[in-house]
Amino acid sequence: MQIKLTAVFQKVPEGYIGFVEELPGANTQGDTLEEARSNLEEAVQLVLDVNHEL
């Protein structure tokens, strides 16, 4: 199954923060936008895995 989620990224003094609007708990940060995107993909997968187990 494939789902579409909305990723939001914001520049902050420390780098970038990112979160997914539809998935509480899926948030991250990174020094670069690319790092924040990669980290967010991992965070989304972890949240989905945990939710599936529960």
C-alpha atoms as a PDB file:
ATOM      1  CA  MET A   1       0.000   0.000   0.000  1.00  0.00           C
ATOM      2  CA  GLN A   2       1.235   3.454  -0.850  1.00  0.00           C
ATOM      3  CA  ILE A   3       0.189   6.604   0.998  1.00  0.00           C
ATOM      4  CA  LYS A   4       0.918  10.279   0.423  1.00  0.00           C
ATOM      5  CA  LEU A   5       1.994  12.389   3.375  1.00  0.00           C
ATOM      6  CA  THR A   6       2.753  16.088   3.634  1.00  0.00           C
ATOM      7  CA  ALA A   7       6.309  16.839   4.746  1.00  0.00           C
ATOM      8  CA  VAL A   8       6.939  20.359   6.031  1.00  0.00           C
ATOM      9  CA  PHE A   9      10.449  21.770   6.403  1.00  0.00           C
ATOM     10  CA  GLN A  10      11.459  25.033   8.027  1.00  0.00           C
ATOM     11  CA  LYS A  11      14.826  26.777   8.152  1.00  0.00           C
ATOM     12  CA  VAL A  12      15.917  27.576  11.700  1.00  0.00           C
ATOM     13  CA  PRO A  13      19.202  29.012  13.027  1.00  0.00           C
ATOM     14  CA  GLU A  14      20.441  25.482  13.838  1.00  0.00           C
ATOM     15  CA  GLY A  15      19.666  24.110  10.345  1.00  0.00           C
ATOM     16  CA  TYR A  16      16.297  22.630   9.343  1.00  0.00           C
ATOM     17  CA  ILE A  17      13.376  21.053  11.130  1.00  0.00           C
ATOM     18  CA  GLY A  18      10.823  18.831   9.468  1.00  0.00           C
ATOM     19  CA  PHE A  19       7.581  17.100  10.342  1.00  0.00           C
ATOM     20  CA  VAL A  20       4.689  15.270   8.726  1.00  0.00           C
ATOM     21  CA  GLU A  21       1.317  16.952   9.197  1.00  0.00           C
ATOM     22  CA  GLU A  22      -0.705  13.726   9.109  1.00  0.00           C
ATOM     23  CA  LEU A  23       1.558  11.659  11.358  1.00  0.00           C
ATOM     24  CA  PRO A  24       2.043  12.897  14.947  1.00  0.00           C
ATOM     25  CA  GLY A  25       5.471  12.007  16.265  1.00  0.00           C
ATOM     26  CA  ALA A  26       7.162  12.060  12.875  1.00  0.00           C
ATOM     27  CA  ASN A  27       9.501  15.002  13.233  1.00  0.00           C
ATOM     28  CA  THR A  28      13.213  15.599  12.922  1.00  0.00           C
ATOM     29  CA  GLN A  29      16.011  18.064  12.379  1.00  0.00           C
ATOM     30  CA  GLY A  30      19.190  18.268  10.338  1.00  0.00           C
ATOM     31  CA  ASP A  31      22.092  20.557   9.551  1.00  0.00           C
ATOM     32  CA  THR A  32      21.052  20.628   5.877  1.00  0.00           C
ATOM     33  CA  LEU A  33      17.738  20.240   4.087  1.00  0.00           C
ATOM     34  CA  GLU A  34      18.941  16.967   2.573  1.00  0.00           C
ATOM     35  CA  GLU A  35      19.858  15.609   6.007  1.00  0.00           C
ATOM     36  CA  ALA A  36      16.483  16.671   7.434  1.00  0.00           C
ATOM     37  CA  ARG A  37      14.678  14.949   4.531  1.00  0.00           C
ATOM     38  CA  SER A  38      16.619  11.743   5.055  1.00  0.00           C
ATOM     39  CA  ASN A  39      16.047  11.845   8.808  1.00  0.00           C
ATOM     40  CA  LEU A  40      12.326  12.457   8.298  1.00  0.00           C
ATOM     41  CA  GLU A  41      11.999   9.445   5.999  1.00  0.00           C
ATOM     42  CA  GLU A  42      13.537   7.311   8.736  1.00  0.00           C
ATOM     43  CA  ALA A  43      11.306   8.875  11.422  1.00  0.00           C
ATOM     44  CA  VAL A  44       8.175   8.204   9.358  1.00  0.00           C
ATOM     45  CA  GLN A  45       9.150   4.576   8.886  1.00  0.00           C
ATOM     46  CA  LEU A  46       9.816   4.153  12.602  1.00  0.00           C
ATOM     47  CA  VAL A  47       6.475   5.714  13.589  1.00  0.00           C
ATOM     48  CA  LEU A  48       4.593   3.551  11.094  1.00  0.00           C
ATOM     49  CA  ASP A  49       6.380   0.409  12.306  1.00  0.00           C
ATOM     50  CA  VAL A  50       5.574   1.146  15.957  1.00  0.00           C
ATOM     51  CA  ASN A  51       1.957   1.989  15.154  1.00  0.00           C
ATOM     52  CA  HIS A  52       1.643  -1.279  13.234  1.00  0.00           C
ATOM     53  CA  GLU A  53       2.991  -3.254  16.203  1.00  0.00           C
ATOM     54  CA  LEU A  54       0.574  -1.561  18.613  1.00  0.00           C
END
